[in-house]
Amino acid sequence: MRYTPHFVTKDPEEVKKLIRENPWTTIVANTSKGMIATHYPVLLEEDRSEISVVGHVGRPEERTLELGSGELLMIVQGAHGYISPGWYGDIPAVPTWNHSTAHLYGVPEILSDEENWAVLDRMVGHFEHPMPHPKLLADNEEYGRSIFDGTVGFRMVVTRFEARLKLSQNKTDEIKHNVVEELAHGANYSHPRLAEDMRRVNGIQ
């Protein structure tokens, strides 16, 4: 990831927030047969001081990824979007792209069957919780366990990360406000969630 001091964050709490709000990840493994990429949801382990995530892959992808045999790269992507130079006013400018992104590195640990079941149960509960009538694994455990065998659970404690919150921090207050207004309410490239990230990081009310 490009190192730009205006945008780099070394704050693990920012990375945890990014994972918490954007659980769909890209997983990249450098295997004995070359680079392999796949995509799965993960959950942040909130009770640990370090950054740690749990998730699962479908069989036989754990073998394709050579899961547990070496370091993985996990990419977490937050809100992102196009920023028009027309939003900067009458000054020379070029288009750009605002985003929040983290690259997480670690060697995953394969979970036991019961640990994997507990993670799957928690994951379903986490995403079903907002529903008016949540459908939980415990509601039909026999069926759940019949398909659970097709998954392999893992835990990845993050040993290092690179994170970038590129949210116009290097622009003037006037430009930041203009960009936020366009993202929040504009007719062309509106993106309220990206606008909210800009407000938080730049301290805009």
N, C-alpha and C. Protein backbone atom coordinates (compact mmCIF):
# COMPACT_ATOMS: atom_id res chain seq x y z
N MET A 1 0.85 -1.18 0.00
CA MET A 1 0.00 0.00 0.00
C MET A 1 0.89 1.24 0.00
N ARG A 2 0.54 2.21 -0.82
CA ARG A 2 1.35 3.43 -0.93
C ARG A 2 1.42 4.15 0.41
N TYR A 3 2.64 4.56 0.79
CA TYR A 3 2.81 5.27 2.06
C TYR A 3 2.64 6.76 1.82
N THR A 4 1.58 7.32 2.35
CA THR A 4 1.34 8.75 2.28
C THR A 4 1.02 9.23 3.70
N PRO A 5 1.92 9.98 4.33
CA PRO A 5 1.78 10.32 5.75
C PRO A 5 0.45 10.98 6.11
N HIS A 6 -0.13 11.76 5.20
CA HIS A 6 -1.41 12.41 5.49
C HIS A 6 -2.49 11.39 5.83
N PHE A 7 -2.39 10.20 5.25
CA PHE A 7 -3.51 9.25 5.28
C PHE A 7 -3.24 7.98 6.07
N VAL A 8 -1.99 7.66 6.34
CA VAL A 8 -1.66 6.41 7.03
C VAL A 8 -2.11 6.48 8.48
N THR A 9 -2.69 5.39 8.97
CA THR A 9 -3.00 5.29 10.40
C THR A 9 -2.33 4.06 10.97
N LYS A 10 -1.79 4.21 12.16
CA LYS A 10 -1.19 3.09 12.88
C LYS A 10 -2.02 2.72 14.10
N ASP A 11 -3.21 3.29 14.18
CA ASP A 11 -4.09 3.08 15.33
C ASP A 11 -4.87 1.77 15.18
N PRO A 12 -4.61 0.77 16.02
CA PRO A 12 -5.33 -0.50 15.91
C PRO A 12 -6.83 -0.35 16.11
N GLU A 13 -7.25 0.67 16.87
CA GLU A 13 -8.69 0.87 17.08
C GLU A 13 -9.38 1.29 15.78
N GLU A 14 -8.69 2.05 14.95
CA GLU A 14 -9.24 2.41 13.64
C GLU A 14 -9.39 1.16 12.77
N VAL A 15 -8.41 0.27 12.85
CA VAL A 15 -8.47 -0.96 12.07
C VAL A 15 -9.59 -1.86 12.59
N LYS A 16 -9.74 -1.95 13.89
CA LYS A 16 -10.83 -2.75 14.46
C LYS A 16 -12.19 -2.21 14.01
N LYS A 17 -12.33 -0.90 14.01
CA LYS A 17 -13.58 -0.28 13.55
C LYS A 17 -13.85 -0.63 12.09
N LEU A 18 -12.81 -0.59 11.28
CA LEU A 18 -12.95 -0.91 9.85
C LEU A 18 -13.42 -2.35 9.66
N ILE A 19 -12.83 -3.29 10.40
CA ILE A 19 -13.22 -4.69 10.32
C ILE A 19 -14.66 -4.87 10.79
N ARG A 20 -14.97 -4.26 11.92
CA ARG A 20 -16.29 -4.38 12.53
C ARG A 20 -17.39 -3.94 11.55
N GLU A 21 -17.13 -2.87 10.83
CA GLU A 21 -18.14 -2.29 9.94
C GLU A 21 -18.10 -2.85 8.52
N ASN A 22 -17.03 -3.59 8.20
CA ASN A 22 -16.85 -4.11 6.83
C ASN A 22 -16.33 -5.54 6.89
N PRO A 23 -17.18 -6.49 7.29
CA PRO A 23 -16.70 -7.85 7.56
C PRO A 23 -16.43 -8.70 6.32
N TRP A 24 -16.82 -8.22 5.14
CA TRP A 24 -16.57 -9.00 3.91
C TRP A 24 -15.15 -8.71 3.45
N THR A 25 -14.27 -9.73 3.46
CA THR A 25 -12.86 -9.52 3.22
C THR A 25 -12.37 -10.27 1.97
N THR A 26 -11.24 -9.80 1.47
CA THR A 26 -10.51 -10.51 0.43
C THR A 26 -9.30 -11.17 1.08
N ILE A 27 -9.17 -12.48 0.88
CA ILE A 27 -8.07 -13.24 1.47
C ILE A 27 -7.13 -13.67 0.35
N VAL A 28 -5.84 -13.36 0.53
CA VAL A 28 -4.84 -13.66 -0.49
C VAL A 28 -3.75 -14.53 0.14
N ALA A 29 -3.47 -15.65 -0.51
CA ALA A 29 -2.43 -16.57 -0.03
C ALA A 29 -1.39 -16.78 -1.11
N ASN A 30 -0.14 -16.76 -0.70
CA ASN A 30 0.96 -17.07 -1.62
C ASN A 30 1.31 -18.54 -1.43
N THR A 31 0.68 -19.40 -2.23
CA THR A 31 0.80 -20.84 -2.04
C THR A 31 1.93 -21.44 -2.87
N SER A 32 2.16 -22.72 -2.68
CA SER A 32 3.20 -23.42 -3.45
C SER A 32 2.86 -23.47 -4.94
N LYS A 33 1.58 -23.21 -5.27
CA LYS A 33 1.16 -23.21 -6.68
C LYS A 33 0.91 -21.81 -7.21
N GLY A 34 1.27 -20.80 -6.41
CA GLY A 34 1.10 -19.42 -6.85
C GLY A 34 0.10 -18.67 -6.00
N MET A 35 -0.23 -17.46 -6.42
CA MET A 35 -1.14 -16.60 -5.68
C MET A 35 -2.58 -17.08 -5.83
N ILE A 36 -3.29 -17.13 -4.69
CA ILE A 36 -4.70 -17.51 -4.67
C ILE A 36 -5.46 -16.45 -3.88
N ALA A 37 -6.62 -16.04 -4.40
CA ALA A 37 -7.47 -15.08 -3.70
C ALA A 37 -8.87 -15.64 -3.55
N THR A 38 -9.51 -15.30 -2.43
CA THR A 38 -10.89 -15.72 -2.21
C THR A 38 -11.56 -14.67 -1.31
N HIS A 39 -12.84 -14.85 -1.02
CA HIS A 39 -13.60 -13.83 -0.29
C HIS A 39 -14.52 -14.49 0.73
N TYR A 40 -14.42 -14.02 1.98
CA TYR A 40 -15.26 -14.57 3.06
C TYR A 40 -15.52 -13.48 4.10
N PRO A 41 -16.63 -13.62 4.85
CA PRO A 41 -16.85 -12.73 6.00
C PRO A 41 -16.03 -13.18 7.19
N VAL A 42 -15.67 -12.22 8.02
CA VAL A 42 -14.98 -12.53 9.29
C VAL A 42 -15.63 -11.71 10.40
N LEU A 43 -15.37 -12.14 11.62
CA LEU A 43 -15.81 -11.38 12.80
C LEU A 43 -14.59 -11.00 13.63
N LEU A 44 -14.60 -9.78 14.11
CA LEU A 44 -13.57 -9.32 15.03
C LEU A 44 -13.80 -9.96 16.40
N GLU A 45 -12.74 -10.44 17.02
CA GLU A 45 -12.84 -10.97 18.37
C GLU A 45 -12.70 -9.80 19.35
N GLU A 46 -13.82 -9.35 19.85
CA GLU A 46 -13.87 -8.13 20.65
C GLU A 46 -13.22 -8.29 22.02
N ASP A 47 -13.09 -9.52 22.50
CA ASP A 47 -12.57 -9.73 23.85
C ASP A 47 -11.05 -9.88 23.89
N ARG A 48 -10.38 -9.63 22.77
CA ARG A 48 -8.92 -9.75 22.73
C ARG A 48 -8.31 -8.37 22.55
N SER A 49 -7.15 -8.14 23.16
CA SER A 49 -6.50 -6.83 23.05
C SER A 49 -5.88 -6.63 21.67
N GLU A 50 -5.31 -7.70 21.10
CA GLU A 50 -4.75 -7.58 19.77
C GLU A 50 -5.86 -7.67 18.72
N ILE A 51 -5.52 -7.38 17.49
CA ILE A 51 -6.49 -7.53 16.41
C ILE A 51 -6.54 -9.01 16.04
N SER A 52 -7.70 -9.61 16.20
CA SER A 52 -7.87 -11.03 15.90
C SER A 52 -9.23 -11.23 15.26
N VAL A 53 -9.25 -12.00 14.18
CA VAL A 53 -10.51 -12.27 13.49
C VAL A 53 -10.73 -13.77 13.39
N VAL A 54 -11.99 -14.16 13.33
CA VAL A 54 -12.35 -15.55 13.11
C VAL A 54 -13.29 -15.63 11.91
N GLY A 55 -13.24 -16.76 11.24
CA GLY A 55 -14.10 -16.97 10.09
C GLY A 55 -14.00 -18.42 9.64
N HIS A 56 -14.39 -18.65 8.41
CA HIS A 56 -14.33 -20.00 7.86
C HIS A 56 -14.15 -19.92 6.35
N VAL A 57 -13.70 -21.02 5.78
CA VAL A 57 -13.69 -21.21 4.33
C VAL A 57 -14.44 -22.49 4.04
N GLY A 58 -14.88 -22.63 2.81
CA GLY A 58 -15.54 -23.87 2.41
C GLY A 58 -14.54 -24.90 1.95
N ARG A 59 -14.79 -26.16 2.32
CA ARG A 59 -13.92 -27.22 1.83
C ARG A 59 -14.11 -27.36 0.31
N PRO A 60 -13.03 -27.68 -0.43
CA PRO A 60 -11.66 -27.95 0.00
C PRO A 60 -10.75 -26.73 -0.12
N GLU A 61 -11.32 -25.53 0.01
CA GLU A 61 -10.51 -24.32 -0.20
C GLU A 61 -9.41 -24.18 0.84
N GLU A 62 -9.58 -24.80 2.00
CA GLU A 62 -8.51 -24.72 3.00
C GLU A 62 -7.23 -25.36 2.47
N ARG A 63 -7.39 -26.37 1.60
CA ARG A 63 -6.21 -27.02 0.99
C ARG A 63 -5.66 -26.16 -0.14
N THR A 64 -6.53 -25.58 -0.93
CA THR A 64 -6.09 -24.71 -2.03
C THR A 64 -5.30 -23.53 -1.49
N LEU A 65 -5.79 -22.95 -0.38
CA LEU A 65 -5.12 -21.81 0.25
C LEU A 65 -3.91 -22.22 1.08
N GLU A 66 -3.77 -23.54 1.31
CA GLU A 66 -2.75 -24.05 2.21
C GLU A 66 -2.87 -23.35 3.57
N LEU A 67 -4.09 -23.32 4.06
CA LEU A 67 -4.45 -22.57 5.25
C LEU A 67 -3.68 -23.06 6.47
N GLY A 68 -3.02 -22.15 7.14
CA GLY A 68 -2.26 -22.48 8.34
C GLY A 68 -0.79 -22.74 8.09
N SER A 69 -0.39 -22.84 6.82
CA SER A 69 1.01 -23.18 6.53
C SER A 69 1.88 -21.94 6.31
N GLY A 70 1.28 -20.78 6.18
CA GLY A 70 2.07 -19.58 5.95
C GLY A 70 1.22 -18.33 6.15
N GLU A 71 1.87 -17.20 5.96
CA GLU A 71 1.22 -15.92 6.18
C GLU A 71 0.16 -15.64 5.12
N LEU A 72 -0.97 -15.08 5.56
CA LEU A 72 -2.03 -14.63 4.67
C LEU A 72 -2.09 -13.12 4.68
N LEU A 73 -2.58 -12.57 3.58
CA LEU A 73 -2.96 -11.17 3.50
C LEU A 73 -4.48 -11.11 3.46
N MET A 74 -5.07 -10.34 4.37
CA MET A 74 -6.51 -10.14 4.38
C MET A 74 -6.77 -8.66 4.15
N ILE A 75 -7.55 -8.35 3.13
CA ILE A 75 -7.83 -6.96 2.77
C ILE A 75 -9.24 -6.60 3.22
N VAL A 76 -9.33 -5.50 3.98
CA VAL A 76 -10.60 -4.98 4.46
C VAL A 76 -10.84 -3.64 3.78
N GLN A 77 -11.95 -3.50 3.10
CA GLN A 77 -12.26 -2.29 2.35
C GLN A 77 -13.48 -1.61 2.92
N GLY A 78 -13.33 -0.36 3.34
CA GLY A 78 -14.45 0.42 3.84
C GLY A 78 -15.11 1.22 2.74
N ALA A 79 -15.85 2.24 3.13
CA ALA A 79 -16.52 3.09 2.15
C ALA A 79 -15.48 3.76 1.25
N HIS A 80 -15.80 3.86 -0.04
CA HIS A 80 -14.87 4.48 -0.99
C HIS A 80 -15.66 5.09 -2.14
N GLY A 81 -15.07 6.07 -2.80
CA GLY A 81 -15.78 6.68 -3.91
C GLY A 81 -14.99 7.76 -4.63
N TYR A 82 -15.48 8.10 -5.80
CA TYR A 82 -14.87 9.10 -6.67
C TYR A 82 -15.03 10.50 -6.10
N ILE A 83 -13.96 11.30 -6.20
CA ILE A 83 -13.98 12.70 -5.76
C ILE A 83 -13.66 13.57 -6.97
N SER A 84 -14.62 14.40 -7.37
CA SER A 84 -14.44 15.24 -8.56
C SER A 84 -13.64 16.50 -8.25
N PRO A 85 -12.73 16.89 -9.14
CA PRO A 85 -12.01 18.16 -8.93
C PRO A 85 -12.94 19.36 -9.00
N GLY A 86 -14.12 19.17 -9.61
CA GLY A 86 -15.09 20.25 -9.66
C GLY A 86 -15.62 20.64 -8.30
N TRP A 87 -15.46 19.76 -7.31
CA TRP A 87 -15.94 20.05 -5.94
C TRP A 87 -14.96 20.93 -5.17
N TYR A 88 -13.77 21.17 -5.74
CA TYR A 88 -12.74 21.93 -5.04
C TYR A 88 -12.87 23.43 -5.28
N GLY A 89 -13.75 23.84 -6.17
CA GLY A 89 -13.83 25.25 -6.52
C GLY A 89 -12.95 25.57 -7.71
N ASP A 90 -12.70 26.84 -7.91
CA ASP A 90 -11.98 27.30 -9.10
C ASP A 90 -10.48 27.30 -8.86
N ILE A 91 -9.91 26.11 -8.69
CA ILE A 91 -8.47 25.96 -8.50
C ILE A 91 -8.00 24.77 -9.34
N PRO A 92 -6.71 24.74 -9.72
CA PRO A 92 -6.20 23.57 -10.44
C PRO A 92 -6.32 22.33 -9.56
N ALA A 93 -6.87 21.26 -10.11
CA ALA A 93 -7.06 20.03 -9.32
C ALA A 93 -7.26 18.86 -10.27
N VAL A 94 -7.07 17.66 -9.76
CA VAL A 94 -7.29 16.44 -10.53
C VAL A 94 -8.24 15.53 -9.76
N PRO A 95 -8.89 14.60 -10.45
CA PRO A 95 -9.77 13.65 -9.75
C PRO A 95 -8.97 12.76 -8.80
N THR A 96 -9.66 12.23 -7.81
CA THR A 96 -9.05 11.27 -6.90
C THR A 96 -10.12 10.32 -6.40
N TRP A 97 -9.71 9.43 -5.53
CA TRP A 97 -10.62 8.42 -4.96
C TRP A 97 -10.39 8.37 -3.46
N ASN A 98 -11.41 8.65 -2.68
CA ASN A 98 -11.29 8.55 -1.23
C ASN A 98 -11.67 7.14 -0.77
N HIS A 99 -11.01 6.69 0.28
CA HIS A 99 -11.26 5.31 0.73
C HIS A 99 -10.69 5.09 2.12
N SER A 100 -11.13 4.00 2.74
CA SER A 100 -10.53 3.47 3.96
C SER A 100 -10.21 2.01 3.71
N THR A 101 -8.95 1.64 3.88
CA THR A 101 -8.51 0.29 3.53
C THR A 101 -7.48 -0.19 4.54
N ALA A 102 -7.54 -1.47 4.88
CA ALA A 102 -6.52 -2.07 5.75
C ALA A 102 -6.03 -3.38 5.15
N HIS A 103 -4.73 -3.59 5.21
CA HIS A 103 -4.11 -4.87 4.84
C HIS A 103 -3.66 -5.54 6.14
N LEU A 104 -4.21 -6.71 6.40
CA LEU A 104 -3.91 -7.44 7.64
C LEU A 104 -3.07 -8.66 7.31
N TYR A 105 -2.03 -8.91 8.09
CA TYR A 105 -1.15 -10.04 7.87
C TYR A 105 -1.11 -10.93 9.11
N GLY A 106 -1.09 -12.23 8.87
CA GLY A 106 -0.98 -13.17 9.97
C GLY A 106 -1.01 -14.60 9.46
N VAL A 107 -0.66 -15.53 10.32
CA VAL A 107 -0.71 -16.96 9.99
C VAL A 107 -1.95 -17.54 10.67
N PRO A 108 -2.95 -17.99 9.90
CA PRO A 108 -4.18 -18.48 10.52
C PRO A 108 -3.99 -19.79 11.26
N GLU A 109 -4.77 -19.92 12.32
CA GLU A 109 -4.82 -21.15 13.11
C GLU A 109 -6.12 -21.88 12.75
N ILE A 110 -6.04 -23.17 12.43
CA ILE A 110 -7.23 -23.95 12.11
C ILE A 110 -7.97 -24.27 13.41
N LEU A 111 -9.27 -24.03 13.42
CA LEU A 111 -10.07 -24.28 14.62
C LEU A 111 -10.54 -25.73 14.68
N SER A 112 -10.76 -26.20 15.89
CA SER A 112 -11.37 -27.52 16.06
C SER A 112 -12.81 -27.47 15.57
N ASP A 113 -13.42 -28.64 15.42
CA ASP A 113 -14.81 -28.68 14.94
C ASP A 113 -15.74 -27.91 15.88
N GLU A 114 -15.57 -28.08 17.17
CA GLU A 114 -16.46 -27.39 18.11
C GLU A 114 -16.20 -25.89 18.13
N GLU A 115 -14.94 -25.49 18.00
CA GLU A 115 -14.64 -24.06 17.91
C GLU A 115 -15.25 -23.47 16.64
N ASN A 116 -15.15 -24.23 15.56
CA ASN A 116 -15.72 -23.77 14.29
C ASN A 116 -17.23 -23.62 14.40
N TRP A 117 -17.89 -24.60 15.03
CA TRP A 117 -19.34 -24.51 15.23
C TRP A 117 -19.70 -23.28 16.05
N ALA A 118 -18.93 -23.01 17.10
CA ALA A 118 -19.19 -21.84 17.94
C ALA A 118 -19.04 -20.55 17.16
N VAL A 119 -18.04 -20.49 16.29
CA VAL A 119 -17.83 -19.30 15.46
C VAL A 119 -18.97 -19.13 14.46
N LEU A 120 -19.37 -20.23 13.81
CA LEU A 120 -20.48 -20.15 12.86
C LEU A 120 -21.77 -19.72 13.57
N ASP A 121 -21.99 -20.26 14.76
CA ASP A 121 -23.18 -19.91 15.53
C ASP A 121 -23.17 -18.42 15.88
N ARG A 122 -22.00 -17.94 16.28
CA ARG A 122 -21.87 -16.52 16.61
C ARG A 122 -22.05 -15.64 15.38
N MET A 123 -21.48 -16.09 14.24
CA MET A 123 -21.57 -15.30 13.03
C MET A 123 -23.02 -15.17 12.55
N VAL A 124 -23.73 -16.29 12.55
CA VAL A 124 -25.14 -16.25 12.16
C VAL A 124 -25.92 -15.34 13.10
N GLY A 125 -25.68 -15.48 14.41
CA GLY A 125 -26.36 -14.64 15.37
C GLY A 125 -26.06 -13.16 15.17
N HIS A 126 -24.80 -12.86 14.85
CA HIS A 126 -24.38 -11.47 14.64
C HIS A 126 -25.14 -10.83 13.48
N PHE A 127 -25.24 -11.55 12.37
CA PHE A 127 -25.88 -10.97 11.19
C PHE A 127 -27.40 -11.09 11.21
N GLU A 128 -27.91 -12.06 11.94
CA GLU A 128 -29.36 -12.22 12.04
C GLU A 128 -29.98 -11.30 13.10
N HIS A 129 -29.16 -10.82 14.01
CA HIS A 129 -29.67 -10.03 15.14
C HIS A 129 -30.60 -8.89 14.72
N PRO A 130 -30.30 -8.13 13.65
CA PRO A 130 -31.19 -7.03 13.29
C PRO A 130 -32.53 -7.47 12.71
N MET A 131 -32.65 -8.72 12.31
CA MET A 131 -33.87 -9.19 11.66
C MET A 131 -35.02 -9.28 12.67
N PRO A 132 -36.26 -9.05 12.21
CA PRO A 132 -37.39 -9.10 13.14
C PRO A 132 -37.60 -10.48 13.75
N HIS A 133 -37.27 -11.52 12.99
CA HIS A 133 -37.40 -12.89 13.49
C HIS A 133 -36.11 -13.65 13.13
N PRO A 134 -35.05 -13.47 13.93
CA PRO A 134 -33.76 -14.07 13.59
C PRO A 134 -33.83 -15.59 13.42
N LYS A 135 -33.15 -16.07 12.40
CA LYS A 135 -33.04 -17.51 12.13
C LYS A 135 -31.66 -17.96 12.59
N LEU A 136 -31.59 -18.61 13.73
CA LEU A 136 -30.32 -18.99 14.33
C LEU A 136 -30.00 -20.45 14.09
N LEU A 137 -28.72 -20.80 14.19
CA LEU A 137 -28.31 -22.19 14.00
C LEU A 137 -28.99 -23.09 15.03
N ALA A 138 -29.15 -22.59 16.23
CA ALA A 138 -29.76 -23.40 17.29
C ALA A 138 -31.22 -23.73 16.99
N ASP A 139 -31.86 -22.97 16.11
CA ASP A 139 -33.26 -23.24 15.77
C ASP A 139 -33.42 -24.53 14.97
N ASN A 140 -32.36 -24.91 14.28
CA ASN A 140 -32.40 -26.14 13.49
C ASN A 140 -30.98 -26.72 13.47
N GLU A 141 -30.52 -27.14 14.64
CA GLU A 141 -29.13 -27.55 14.77
C GLU A 141 -28.81 -28.78 13.92
N GLU A 142 -29.74 -29.68 13.81
CA GLU A 142 -29.48 -30.90 13.02
C GLU A 142 -29.14 -30.54 11.57
N TYR A 143 -29.94 -29.65 10.99
CA TYR A 143 -29.65 -29.24 9.61
C TYR A 143 -28.35 -28.45 9.54
N GLY A 144 -28.16 -27.55 10.53
CA GLY A 144 -26.94 -26.75 10.53
C GLY A 144 -25.69 -27.61 10.57
N ARG A 145 -25.72 -28.63 11.42
CA ARG A 145 -24.53 -29.50 11.52
C ARG A 145 -24.34 -30.35 10.26
N SER A 146 -25.41 -30.59 9.51
CA SER A 146 -25.28 -31.38 8.28
C SER A 146 -24.51 -30.63 7.20
N ILE A 147 -24.55 -29.28 7.23
CA ILE A 147 -23.79 -28.52 6.24
C ILE A 147 -22.51 -27.93 6.83
N PHE A 148 -22.42 -27.93 8.15
CA PHE A 148 -21.25 -27.40 8.84
C PHE A 148 -19.98 -28.17 8.48
N ASP A 149 -20.11 -29.46 8.18
CA ASP A 149 -18.94 -30.28 7.82
C ASP A 149 -18.26 -29.79 6.56
N GLY A 150 -18.95 -28.98 5.77
CA GLY A 150 -18.36 -28.44 4.55
C GLY A 150 -17.54 -27.18 4.78
N THR A 151 -17.29 -26.84 6.04
CA THR A 151 -16.52 -25.63 6.34
C THR A 151 -15.32 -25.95 7.22
N VAL A 152 -14.33 -25.08 7.15
CA VAL A 152 -13.15 -25.16 8.01
C VAL A 152 -12.98 -23.79 8.67
N GLY A 153 -13.00 -23.76 9.99
CA GLY A 153 -12.88 -22.50 10.71
C GLY A 153 -11.43 -22.11 10.96
N PHE A 154 -11.22 -20.82 11.09
CA PHE A 154 -9.86 -20.34 11.37
C PHE A 154 -9.90 -19.10 12.26
N ARG A 155 -8.81 -18.88 12.94
CA ARG A 155 -8.55 -17.64 13.68
C ARG A 155 -7.26 -17.05 13.13
N MET A 156 -7.28 -15.74 12.88
CA MET A 156 -6.05 -15.08 12.46
C MET A 156 -5.76 -13.91 13.39
N VAL A 157 -4.71 -14.06 14.17
CA VAL A 157 -4.22 -12.96 14.99
C VAL A 157 -3.32 -12.12 14.09
N VAL A 158 -3.63 -10.85 13.99
CA VAL A 158 -2.90 -9.97 13.06
C VAL A 158 -1.55 -9.61 13.67
N THR A 159 -0.49 -9.98 12.97
CA THR A 159 0.86 -9.71 13.45
C THR A 159 1.38 -8.37 12.95
N ARG A 160 0.82 -7.88 11.85
CA ARG A 160 1.17 -6.54 11.35
C ARG A 160 0.06 -6.08 10.42
N PHE A 161 -0.06 -4.77 10.28
CA PHE A 161 -1.07 -4.25 9.37
C PHE A 161 -0.59 -2.96 8.74
N GLU A 162 -1.17 -2.66 7.59
CA GLU A 162 -0.99 -1.37 6.91
C GLU A 162 -2.39 -0.82 6.68
N ALA A 163 -2.64 0.41 7.10
CA ALA A 163 -3.98 0.97 6.98
C ALA A 163 -3.90 2.40 6.47
N ARG A 164 -4.86 2.74 5.64
CA ARG A 164 -4.87 4.06 5.00
C ARG A 164 -6.30 4.59 5.02
N LEU A 165 -6.48 5.76 5.63
CA LEU A 165 -7.76 6.46 5.61
C LEU A 165 -7.56 7.71 4.76
N LYS A 166 -7.82 7.58 3.47
CA LYS A 166 -7.62 8.71 2.55
C LYS A 166 -8.94 9.45 2.42
N LEU A 167 -9.11 10.50 3.22
CA LEU A 167 -10.40 11.17 3.35
C LEU A 167 -10.25 12.69 3.29
N SER A 168 -9.40 13.15 2.37
CA SER A 168 -9.20 14.59 2.10
C SER A 168 -8.59 15.34 3.28
N GLN A 169 -7.82 14.64 4.13
CA GLN A 169 -7.21 15.31 5.29
C GLN A 169 -6.24 16.41 4.87
N ASN A 170 -5.69 16.33 3.66
CA ASN A 170 -4.69 17.30 3.20
C ASN A 170 -5.32 18.50 2.48
N LYS A 171 -6.64 18.61 2.50
CA LYS A 171 -7.32 19.72 1.83
C LYS A 171 -7.72 20.80 2.84
N THR A 172 -8.08 21.96 2.30
CA THR A 172 -8.52 23.05 3.17
C THR A 172 -9.88 22.71 3.77
N ASP A 173 -10.23 23.40 4.85
CA ASP A 173 -11.53 23.17 5.49
C ASP A 173 -12.67 23.42 4.51
N GLU A 174 -12.53 24.46 3.68
CA GLU A 174 -13.58 24.77 2.72
C GLU A 174 -13.79 23.62 1.73
N ILE A 175 -12.70 23.08 1.23
CA ILE A 175 -12.78 21.97 0.27
C ILE A 175 -13.38 20.74 0.96
N LYS A 176 -12.93 20.44 2.18
CA LYS A 176 -13.48 19.29 2.90
C LYS A 176 -15.00 19.42 3.05
N HIS A 177 -15.47 20.59 3.42
CA HIS A 177 -16.90 20.80 3.58
C HIS A 177 -17.64 20.64 2.25
N ASN A 178 -17.04 21.16 1.16
CA ASN A 178 -17.66 21.02 -0.16
C ASN A 178 -17.78 19.55 -0.56
N VAL A 179 -16.70 18.79 -0.33
CA VAL A 179 -16.70 17.38 -0.70
C VAL A 179 -17.72 16.61 0.12
N VAL A 180 -17.75 16.88 1.42
CA VAL A 180 -18.73 16.20 2.28
C VAL A 180 -20.15 16.51 1.83
N GLU A 181 -20.42 17.75 1.49
CA GLU A 181 -21.76 18.13 1.05
C GLU A 181 -22.15 17.40 -0.24
N GLU A 182 -21.22 17.31 -1.17
CA GLU A 182 -21.50 16.60 -2.43
C GLU A 182 -21.74 15.12 -2.18
N LEU A 183 -20.93 14.51 -1.32
CA LEU A 183 -21.09 13.09 -1.03
C LEU A 183 -22.38 12.82 -0.27
N ALA A 184 -22.74 13.73 0.59
CA ALA A 184 -23.94 13.53 1.41
C ALA A 184 -25.22 13.80 0.65
N HIS A 185 -25.21 14.81 -0.23
CA HIS A 185 -26.46 15.26 -0.84
C HIS A 185 -26.39 15.49 -2.34
N GLY A 186 -25.23 15.32 -2.96
CA GLY A 186 -25.08 15.64 -4.37
C GLY A 186 -25.88 14.72 -5.29
N ALA A 187 -26.12 15.20 -6.49
CA ALA A 187 -26.94 14.46 -7.45
C ALA A 187 -26.14 13.46 -8.29
N ASN A 188 -24.81 13.58 -8.30
CA ASN A 188 -24.02 12.78 -9.24
C ASN A 188 -23.27 11.61 -8.61
N TYR A 189 -22.52 11.87 -7.55
CA TYR A 189 -21.73 10.81 -6.92
C TYR A 189 -21.99 10.77 -5.42
N SER A 190 -23.24 10.82 -5.04
CA SER A 190 -23.55 10.83 -3.60
C SER A 190 -23.14 9.51 -2.95
N HIS A 191 -22.62 9.62 -1.74
CA HIS A 191 -22.17 8.45 -0.98
C HIS A 191 -22.19 8.85 0.49
N PRO A 192 -23.38 8.81 1.13
CA PRO A 192 -23.51 9.28 2.51
C PRO A 192 -22.57 8.61 3.50
N ARG A 193 -22.30 7.32 3.30
CA ARG A 193 -21.42 6.63 4.26
C ARG A 193 -19.98 7.16 4.17
N LEU A 194 -19.53 7.44 2.95
CA LEU A 194 -18.20 8.02 2.78
C LEU A 194 -18.16 9.43 3.36
N ALA A 195 -19.25 10.18 3.18
CA ALA A 195 -19.34 11.51 3.78
C ALA A 195 -19.22 11.44 5.29
N GLU A 196 -19.86 10.44 5.90
CA GLU A 196 -19.80 10.29 7.35
C GLU A 196 -18.39 9.96 7.82
N ASP A 197 -17.69 9.11 7.07
CA ASP A 197 -16.29 8.82 7.41
C ASP A 197 -15.44 10.09 7.36
N MET A 198 -15.67 10.92 6.33
CA MET A 198 -14.92 12.17 6.22
C MET A 198 -15.22 13.09 7.39
N ARG A 199 -16.49 13.18 7.78
CA ARG A 199 -16.84 14.02 8.92
C ARG A 199 -16.10 13.57 10.19
N ARG A 200 -16.11 12.27 10.42
CA ARG A 200 -15.49 11.75 11.66
C ARG A 200 -14.00 12.00 11.68
N VAL A 201 -13.30 11.65 10.60
CA VAL A 201 -11.85 11.73 10.57
C VAL A 201 -11.37 13.18 10.55
N ASN A 202 -12.13 14.05 9.89
CA ASN A 202 -11.73 15.45 9.77
C ASN A 202 -12.35 16.37 10.82
N GLY A 203 -13.16 15.79 11.71
CA GLY A 203 -13.77 16.59 12.76
C GLY A 203 -14.77 17.60 12.25
N ILE A 204 -15.52 17.22 11.20
CA ILE A 204 -16.51 18.12 10.61
C ILE A 204 -17.87 17.85 11.26
N GLN A 205 -18.52 18.88 11.71
CA GLN A 205 -19.84 18.75 12.33
C GLN A 205 -20.94 18.63 11.26
